[in-house]
């Protein structure tokens, strides 16, 4: 079925929703509900604030071509969500997905997905918890080890979370993790060198994502110990 995502003064776009959905569409999003609006994506709460809408944009014109063979960022994030769920990770439930059929050269959108609002269940990003001082330095190592255990599961399954950082994982007061924006890449047994290179690059990037000194040296050693 087709659905129209409406954000007054921003988007008024048609998407196709495979199989249809009964949860929250058509999507009329008040402009004041926009949480993030930057080049890679727009993230907003729906009108009831019960779910989160992520509109994925093309970073470059190449992504419109990747979209044709279902290898664009939105395809990777949605497929990654289902894959990580099968591997036992907690991820937000995806309620509906909409893909653009024709390239959107005006706003660059590739599509959207509507997902569970994890903040309603008490989850907050680990970066927020670190930077607000709610997880003190001697507790950070335990949280980081829990995150790295998850990344090691992906490694054993030859999967790389290519854009991983502390805003892509949320935690509640019980220490449970939920994984967000799951743009992952799976490598075959015949892609050993490429997998190793991409895996190591993602960890190095994670260790310095915010700044060279964001993580302590012992924390950086924990991250780099996962390298191949």
C-alpha atoms as a PDB file:
ATOM      1  CA  UNK A   1       0.000   0.000   0.000  1.00  0.00           C
ATOM      2  CA  UNK A   2       1.026   3.623  -0.405  1.00  0.00           C
ATOM      3  CA  UNK A   3       1.361   5.973   2.542  1.00  0.00           C
ATOM      4  CA  UNK A   4       1.913   9.699   2.739  1.00  0.00           C
ATOM      5  CA  UNK A   5       4.314  10.961   5.396  1.00  0.00           C
ATOM      6  CA  UNK A   6       3.399  14.531   6.229  1.00  0.00           C
ATOM      7  CA  UNK A   7       5.558  16.917   8.231  1.00  0.00           C
ATOM      8  CA  UNK A   8       4.176  20.443   7.790  1.00  0.00           C
ATOM      9  CA  UNK A   9       6.694  22.654   6.048  1.00  0.00           C
ATOM     10  CA  UNK A  10       9.138  19.795   5.517  1.00  0.00           C
ATOM     11  CA  UNK A  11       8.062  16.531   3.899  1.00  0.00           C
ATOM     12  CA  UNK A  12       4.944  15.665   1.993  1.00  0.00           C
ATOM     13  CA  UNK A  13       6.096  12.488   0.299  1.00  0.00           C
ATOM     14  CA  UNK A  14       4.587   9.243  -0.955  1.00  0.00           C
ATOM     15  CA  UNK A  15       6.144   5.913   0.000  1.00  0.00           C
ATOM     16  CA  UNK A  16       5.199   2.311  -0.596  1.00  0.00           C
ATOM     17  CA  UNK A  17       4.759   0.125   2.476  1.00  0.00           C
ATOM     18  CA  UNK A  18       5.299  -3.582   1.690  1.00  0.00           C
ATOM     19  CA  UNK A  19       2.427  -5.613   3.084  1.00  0.00           C
ATOM     20  CA  UNK A  20       0.803  -2.631   4.724  1.00  0.00           C
ATOM     21  CA  UNK A  21       0.558  -2.024   8.459  1.00  0.00           C
ATOM     22  CA  UNK A  22      -2.054  -1.295  11.086  1.00  0.00           C
ATOM     23  CA  UNK A  23       0.161   0.744  13.399  1.00  0.00           C
ATOM     24  CA  UNK A  24       0.176   4.476  13.017  1.00  0.00           C
ATOM     25  CA  UNK A  25      -0.098   5.165   9.291  1.00  0.00           C
ATOM     26  CA  UNK A  26      -0.727   7.472   7.520  1.00  0.00           C
ATOM     27  CA  UNK A  27       1.938   9.335   9.465  1.00  0.00           C
ATOM     28  CA  UNK A  28       1.157  12.944  10.253  1.00  0.00           C
ATOM     29  CA  UNK A  29       4.112  14.300  12.204  1.00  0.00           C
ATOM     30  CA  UNK A  30       3.922  17.723  13.859  1.00  0.00           C
ATOM     31  CA  UNK A  31       6.987  19.765  13.024  1.00  0.00           C
ATOM     32  CA  UNK A  32       7.655  20.336  16.737  1.00  0.00           C
ATOM     33  CA  UNK A  33       8.052  16.563  17.161  1.00  0.00           C
ATOM     34  CA  UNK A  34      11.254  16.522  15.083  1.00  0.00           C
ATOM     35  CA  UNK A  35      14.134  15.377  17.303  1.00  0.00           C
ATOM     36  CA  UNK A  36      17.009  15.314  14.797  1.00  0.00           C
ATOM     37  CA  UNK A  37      17.242  16.803  11.325  1.00  0.00           C
ATOM     38  CA  UNK A  38      20.584  16.477   9.603  1.00  0.00           C
ATOM     39  CA  UNK A  39      21.955  15.268   6.296  1.00  0.00           C
ATOM     40  CA  UNK A  40      21.881  11.495   6.978  1.00  0.00           C
ATOM     41  CA  UNK A  41      18.410  11.334   8.535  1.00  0.00           C
ATOM     42  CA  UNK A  42      15.430  12.952  10.156  1.00  0.00           C
ATOM     43  CA  UNK A  43      14.127  11.470  13.415  1.00  0.00           C
ATOM     44  CA  UNK A  44      10.775  12.469  14.883  1.00  0.00           C
ATOM     45  CA  UNK A  45       8.044  11.295  17.229  1.00  0.00           C
ATOM     46  CA  UNK A  46       4.696  10.499  15.671  1.00  0.00           C
ATOM     47  CA  UNK A  47       1.715  12.650  16.634  1.00  0.00           C
ATOM     48  CA  UNK A  48       0.948  10.421  19.655  1.00  0.00           C
ATOM     49  CA  UNK A  49       4.639  10.191  20.647  1.00  0.00           C
ATOM     50  CA  UNK A  50       4.168   6.426  20.970  1.00  0.00           C
ATOM     51  CA  UNK A  51       6.587   5.608  18.168  1.00  0.00           C
ATOM     52  CA  UNK A  52       9.675   7.046  16.505  1.00  0.00           C
ATOM     53  CA  UNK A  53       9.856   7.756  12.773  1.00  0.00           C
ATOM     54  CA  UNK A  54      13.236   7.734  11.065  1.00  0.00           C
ATOM     55  CA  UNK A  55      13.432   9.104   7.531  1.00  0.00           C
ATOM     56  CA  UNK A  56      16.703   7.979   5.983  1.00  0.00           C
ATOM     57  CA  UNK A  57      18.267  10.357   3.483  1.00  0.00           C
ATOM     58  CA  UNK A  58      20.846   9.721   0.791  1.00  0.00           C
ATOM     59  CA  UNK A  59      24.283  11.074   1.697  1.00  0.00           C
ATOM     60  CA  UNK A  60      25.202  11.106  -1.997  1.00  0.00           C
ATOM     61  CA  UNK A  61      23.584  10.362  -5.360  1.00  0.00           C
ATOM     62  CA  UNK A  62      25.214   6.895  -5.324  1.00  0.00           C
ATOM     63  CA  UNK A  63      22.782   5.792  -2.629  1.00  0.00           C
ATOM     64  CA  UNK A  64      19.814   6.190  -4.963  1.00  0.00           C
ATOM     65  CA  UNK A  65      21.378   3.515  -7.175  1.00  0.00           C
ATOM     66  CA  UNK A  66      22.096   1.239  -4.187  1.00  0.00           C
ATOM     67  CA  UNK A  67      18.435   1.661  -3.302  1.00  0.00           C
ATOM     68  CA  UNK A  68      17.433  -0.021  -6.564  1.00  0.00           C
ATOM     69  CA  UNK A  69      19.085  -3.325  -5.561  1.00  0.00           C
ATOM     70  CA  UNK A  70      18.084  -3.013  -1.891  1.00  0.00           C
ATOM     71  CA  UNK A  71      21.536  -2.179  -0.588  1.00  0.00           C
ATOM     72  CA  UNK A  72      20.908   1.376   0.592  1.00  0.00           C
ATOM     73  CA  UNK A  73      21.252   2.534   4.194  1.00  0.00           C
ATOM     74  CA  UNK A  74      17.582   2.081   4.975  1.00  0.00           C
ATOM     75  CA  UNK A  75      17.630  -1.498   3.685  1.00  0.00           C
ATOM     76  CA  UNK A  76      20.743  -2.227   5.767  1.00  0.00           C
ATOM     77  CA  UNK A  77      19.249  -0.736   8.939  1.00  0.00           C
ATOM     78  CA  UNK A  78      15.945  -2.578   8.617  1.00  0.00           C
ATOM     79  CA  UNK A  79      17.565  -5.902   7.683  1.00  0.00           C
ATOM     80  CA  UNK A  80      20.124  -5.374  10.456  1.00  0.00           C
ATOM     81  CA  UNK A  81      17.321  -4.912  12.991  1.00  0.00           C
ATOM     82  CA  UNK A  82      15.757  -8.247  12.042  1.00  0.00           C
ATOM     83  CA  UNK A  83      19.142 -10.005  11.902  1.00  0.00           C
ATOM     84  CA  UNK A  84      20.268  -8.768  15.326  1.00  0.00           C
ATOM     85  CA  UNK A  85      16.900  -9.730  16.789  1.00  0.00           C
ATOM     86  CA  UNK A  86      17.423 -13.296  15.539  1.00  0.00           C
ATOM     87  CA  UNK A  87      20.863 -13.310  17.166  1.00  0.00           C
ATOM     88  CA  UNK A  88      19.316 -12.472  20.548  1.00  0.00           C
ATOM     89  CA  UNK A  89      19.950  -8.710  20.702  1.00  0.00           C
ATOM     90  CA  UNK A  90      17.223  -6.450  21.995  1.00  0.00           C
ATOM     91  CA  UNK A  91      16.249  -4.005  19.259  1.00  0.00           C
ATOM     92  CA  UNK A  92      13.225  -1.721  18.850  1.00  0.00           C
ATOM     93  CA  UNK A  93      10.249  -3.385  17.217  1.00  0.00           C
ATOM     94  CA  UNK A  94       9.735  -2.026  13.711  1.00  0.00           C
ATOM     95  CA  UNK A  95       6.059  -1.344  13.056  1.00  0.00           C
ATOM     96  CA  UNK A  96       6.192  -0.292   9.416  1.00  0.00           C
ATOM     97  CA  UNK A  97       8.680   0.456   6.658  1.00  0.00           C
ATOM     98  CA  UNK A  98       8.180   2.671   3.616  1.00  0.00           C
ATOM     99  CA  UNK A  99      10.484   2.740   0.589  1.00  0.00           C
ATOM    100  CA  UNK A 100      10.559   5.372  -2.106  1.00  0.00           C
ATOM    101  CA  UNK A 101      10.046   3.942  -5.567  1.00  0.00           C
ATOM    102  CA  UNK A 102      11.578   6.851  -7.492  1.00  0.00           C
ATOM    103  CA  UNK A 103      14.641   8.883  -6.409  1.00  0.00           C
ATOM    104  CA  UNK A 104      13.763  11.893  -4.284  1.00  0.00           C
ATOM    105  CA  UNK A 105      16.250  14.475  -5.511  1.00  0.00           C
ATOM    106  CA  UNK A 106      14.582  17.356  -3.654  1.00  0.00           C
ATOM    107  CA  UNK A 107      14.825  16.028  -0.075  1.00  0.00           C
ATOM    108  CA  UNK A 108      17.010  13.004  -0.755  1.00  0.00           C
ATOM    109  CA  UNK A 109      14.837  10.580   1.198  1.00  0.00           C
ATOM    110  CA  UNK A 110      15.256   6.846   0.578  1.00  0.00           C
ATOM    111  CA  UNK A 111      12.400   5.825   2.835  1.00  0.00           C
ATOM    112  CA  UNK A 112      11.341   5.667   6.450  1.00  0.00           C
ATOM    113  CA  UNK A 113      10.696   3.201   9.211  1.00  0.00           C
ATOM    114  CA  UNK A 114       8.450   3.510  12.235  1.00  0.00           C
ATOM    115  CA  UNK A 115       9.682   1.851  15.404  1.00  0.00           C
ATOM    116  CA  UNK A 116       9.065   1.396  19.099  1.00  0.00           C
ATOM    117  CA  UNK A 117       9.839   4.433  21.248  1.00  0.00           C
ATOM    118  CA  UNK A 118      12.318   2.906  23.698  1.00  0.00           C
ATOM    119  CA  UNK A 119      12.428   6.018  25.889  1.00  0.00           C
ATOM    120  CA  UNK A 120       8.892   5.156  27.048  1.00  0.00           C
ATOM    121  CA  UNK A 121      10.381   1.962  28.530  1.00  0.00           C
ATOM    122  CA  UNK A 122      13.054   3.883  30.443  1.00  0.00           C
ATOM    123  CA  UNK A 123      15.922   3.545  27.968  1.00  0.00           C
ATOM    124  CA  UNK A 124      18.411   6.341  27.314  1.00  0.00           C
ATOM    125  CA  UNK A 125      21.479   6.483  25.117  1.00  0.00           C
ATOM    126  CA  UNK A 126      24.690   5.358  26.793  1.00  0.00           C
ATOM    127  CA  UNK A 127      26.354   8.572  25.665  1.00  0.00           C
ATOM    128  CA  UNK A 128      23.716  10.579  27.538  1.00  0.00           C
ATOM    129  CA  UNK A 129      24.234   8.476  30.666  1.00  0.00           C
ATOM    130  CA  UNK A 130      28.024   8.857  30.440  1.00  0.00           C
ATOM    131  CA  UNK A 131      28.005  12.594  29.852  1.00  0.00           C
ATOM    132  CA  UNK A 132      25.373  13.429  32.468  1.00  0.00           C
ATOM    133  CA  UNK A 133      27.489  11.684  35.103  1.00  0.00           C
ATOM    134  CA  UNK A 134      24.830   9.087  35.873  1.00  0.00           C
ATOM    135  CA  UNK A 135      27.371   6.367  35.169  1.00  0.00           C
ATOM    136  CA  UNK A 136      30.530   7.250  37.041  1.00  0.00           C
ATOM    137  CA  UNK A 137      33.994   6.375  35.789  1.00  0.00           C
ATOM    138  CA  UNK A 138      34.387   3.135  37.766  1.00  0.00           C
ATOM    139  CA  UNK A 139      31.030   1.884  36.396  1.00  0.00           C
ATOM    140  CA  UNK A 140      31.767   2.775  32.793  1.00  0.00           C
ATOM    141  CA  UNK A 141      34.076  -0.188  32.320  1.00  0.00           C
ATOM    142  CA  UNK A 142      31.268  -2.626  33.211  1.00  0.00           C
ATOM    143  CA  UNK A 143      28.915  -0.962  30.717  1.00  0.00           C
ATOM    144  CA  UNK A 144      31.610  -0.913  28.049  1.00  0.00           C
ATOM    145  CA  UNK A 145      32.342  -4.619  28.607  1.00  0.00           C
ATOM    146  CA  UNK A 146      28.654  -5.397  28.140  1.00  0.00           C
ATOM    147  CA  UNK A 147      28.623  -3.447  24.867  1.00  0.00           C
ATOM    148  CA  UNK A 148      31.787  -5.162  23.661  1.00  0.00           C
ATOM    149  CA  UNK A 149      30.273  -8.576  24.433  1.00  0.00           C
ATOM    150  CA  UNK A 150      27.538  -7.685  21.963  1.00  0.00           C
ATOM    151  CA  UNK A 151      30.052  -6.558  19.350  1.00  0.00           C
ATOM    152  CA  UNK A 152      31.957  -9.827  19.847  1.00  0.00           C
ATOM    153  CA  UNK A 153      28.759 -11.785  19.043  1.00  0.00           C
ATOM    154  CA  UNK A 154      28.536  -9.855  15.788  1.00  0.00           C
ATOM    155  CA  UNK A 155      32.222 -10.542  15.118  1.00  0.00           C
ATOM    156  CA  UNK A 156      31.743 -14.295  15.564  1.00  0.00           C
ATOM    157  CA  UNK A 157      28.939 -14.134  13.028  1.00  0.00           C
ATOM    158  CA  UNK A 158      31.104 -12.127  10.589  1.00  0.00           C
ATOM    159  CA  UNK A 159      28.962  -9.023  10.967  1.00  0.00           C
ATOM    160  CA  UNK A 160      30.260  -5.463  11.227  1.00  0.00           C
ATOM    161  CA  UNK A 161      28.222  -2.666  12.806  1.00  0.00           C
ATOM    162  CA  UNK A 162      29.764  -0.092  10.524  1.00  0.00           C
ATOM    163  CA  UNK A 163      28.610   3.112  12.228  1.00  0.00           C
ATOM    164  CA  UNK A 164      28.684   2.101  15.866  1.00  0.00           C
ATOM    165  CA  UNK A 165      28.912   4.723  18.619  1.00  0.00           C
ATOM    166  CA  UNK A 166      27.365   5.336  22.044  1.00  0.00           C
ATOM    167  CA  UNK A 167      24.221   6.941  20.629  1.00  0.00           C
ATOM    168  CA  UNK A 168      23.436   3.656  18.876  1.00  0.00           C
ATOM    169  CA  UNK A 169      23.017   1.750  22.120  1.00  0.00           C
ATOM    170  CA  UNK A 170      20.574   2.549  24.912  1.00  0.00           C
ATOM    171  CA  UNK A 171      20.387   1.278  28.478  1.00  0.00           C
ATOM    172  CA  UNK A 172      17.804   1.212  31.263  1.00  0.00           C
ATOM    173  CA  UNK A 173      18.222   1.272  35.049  1.00  0.00           C
ATOM    174  CA  UNK A 174      18.507  -2.532  35.125  1.00  0.00           C
ATOM    175  CA  UNK A 175      21.523  -2.406  32.792  1.00  0.00           C
ATOM    176  CA  UNK A 176      19.681  -3.925  29.811  1.00  0.00           C
ATOM    177  CA  UNK A 177      20.881  -2.774  26.413  1.00  0.00           C
ATOM    178  CA  UNK A 178      18.916  -2.024  23.273  1.00  0.00           C
ATOM    179  CA  UNK A 179      20.667  -1.531  19.925  1.00  0.00           C
ATOM    180  CA  UNK A 180      19.602   1.223  17.520  1.00  0.00           C
ATOM    181  CA  UNK A 181      20.266   2.307  13.913  1.00  0.00           C
ATOM    182  CA  UNK A 182      21.446  -1.186  13.096  1.00  0.00           C
ATOM    183  CA  UNK A 183      23.207  -0.600   9.773  1.00  0.00           C
ATOM    184  CA  UNK A 184      25.234  -3.809   9.719  1.00  0.00           C
ATOM    185  CA  UNK A 185      27.135  -5.620   6.976  1.00  0.00           C
ATOM    186  CA  UNK A 186      27.501  -9.403   6.799  1.00  0.00           C
ATOM    187  CA  UNK A 187      30.624 -10.917   5.228  1.00  0.00           C
ATOM    188  CA  UNK A 188      30.996 -14.354   3.694  1.00  0.00           C
ATOM    189  CA  UNK A 189      33.750 -16.841   4.495  1.00  0.00           C
ATOM    190  CA  UNK A 190      35.400 -15.811   1.239  1.00  0.00           C
ATOM    191  CA  UNK A 191      35.739 -12.172   2.369  1.00  0.00           C
ATOM    192  CA  UNK A 192      38.120 -12.746   5.270  1.00  0.00           C
ATOM    193  CA  UNK A 193      40.539  -9.906   4.573  1.00  0.00           C
ATOM    194  CA  UNK A 194      37.796  -7.395   3.873  1.00  0.00           C
ATOM    195  CA  UNK A 195      35.882  -8.452   6.994  1.00  0.00           C
ATOM    196  CA  UNK A 196      38.998  -8.076   9.147  1.00  0.00           C
ATOM    197  CA  UNK A 197      39.743  -4.643   7.698  1.00  0.00           C
ATOM    198  CA  UNK A 198      36.178  -3.371   8.152  1.00  0.00           C
ATOM    199  CA  UNK A 199      35.860  -4.864  11.647  1.00  0.00           C
ATOM    200  CA  UNK A 200      39.113  -3.331  12.854  1.00  0.00           C
ATOM    201  CA  UNK A 201      38.287   0.027  11.258  1.00  0.00           C
ATOM    202  CA  UNK A 202      34.887   0.141  12.991  1.00  0.00           C
ATOM    203  CA  UNK A 203      36.499  -0.482  16.403  1.00  0.00           C
ATOM    204  CA  UNK A 204      39.208   2.108  15.853  1.00  0.00           C
ATOM    205  CA  UNK A 205      36.562   4.582  14.736  1.00  0.00           C
ATOM    206  CA  UNK A 206      34.463   3.809  17.813  1.00  0.00           C
ATOM    207  CA  UNK A 207      37.415   4.391  20.157  1.00  0.00           C
ATOM    208  CA  UNK A 208      37.909   7.951  18.842  1.00  0.00           C
ATOM    209  CA  UNK A 209      34.402   8.772  17.591  1.00  0.00           C
ATOM    210  CA  UNK A 210      33.782  11.753  19.884  1.00  0.00           C
ATOM    211  CA  UNK A 211      37.380  12.762  20.544  1.00  0.00           C
ATOM    212  CA  UNK A 212      40.796  11.211  21.068  1.00  0.00           C
ATOM    213  CA  UNK A 213      40.381  11.537  24.836  1.00  0.00           C
ATOM    214  CA  UNK A 214      36.721  10.569  25.250  1.00  0.00           C
ATOM    215  CA  UNK A 215      37.655   7.081  26.430  1.00  0.00           C
ATOM    216  CA  UNK A 216      40.401   6.494  28.986  1.00  0.00           C
ATOM    217  CA  UNK A 217      43.434   4.482  27.893  1.00  0.00           C
ATOM    218  CA  UNK A 218      42.215   1.338  29.748  1.00  0.00           C
ATOM    219  CA  UNK A 219      38.845   1.702  27.984  1.00  0.00           C
ATOM    220  CA  UNK A 220      40.551   2.076  24.615  1.00  0.00           C
ATOM    221  CA  UNK A 221      42.534  -1.083  25.348  1.00  0.00           C
ATOM    222  CA  UNK A 222      39.282  -2.975  26.002  1.00  0.00           C
ATOM    223  CA  UNK A 223      37.933  -1.816  22.636  1.00  0.00           C
ATOM    224  CA  UNK A 224      41.129  -2.587  20.724  1.00  0.00           C
ATOM    225  CA  UNK A 225      41.393  -6.031  22.336  1.00  0.00           C
ATOM    226  CA  UNK A 226      38.439  -7.017  20.168  1.00  0.00           C
ATOM    227  CA  UNK A 227      40.388  -6.306  16.976  1.00  0.00           C
ATOM    228  CA  UNK A 228      41.438  -9.215  14.774  1.00  0.00           C
END
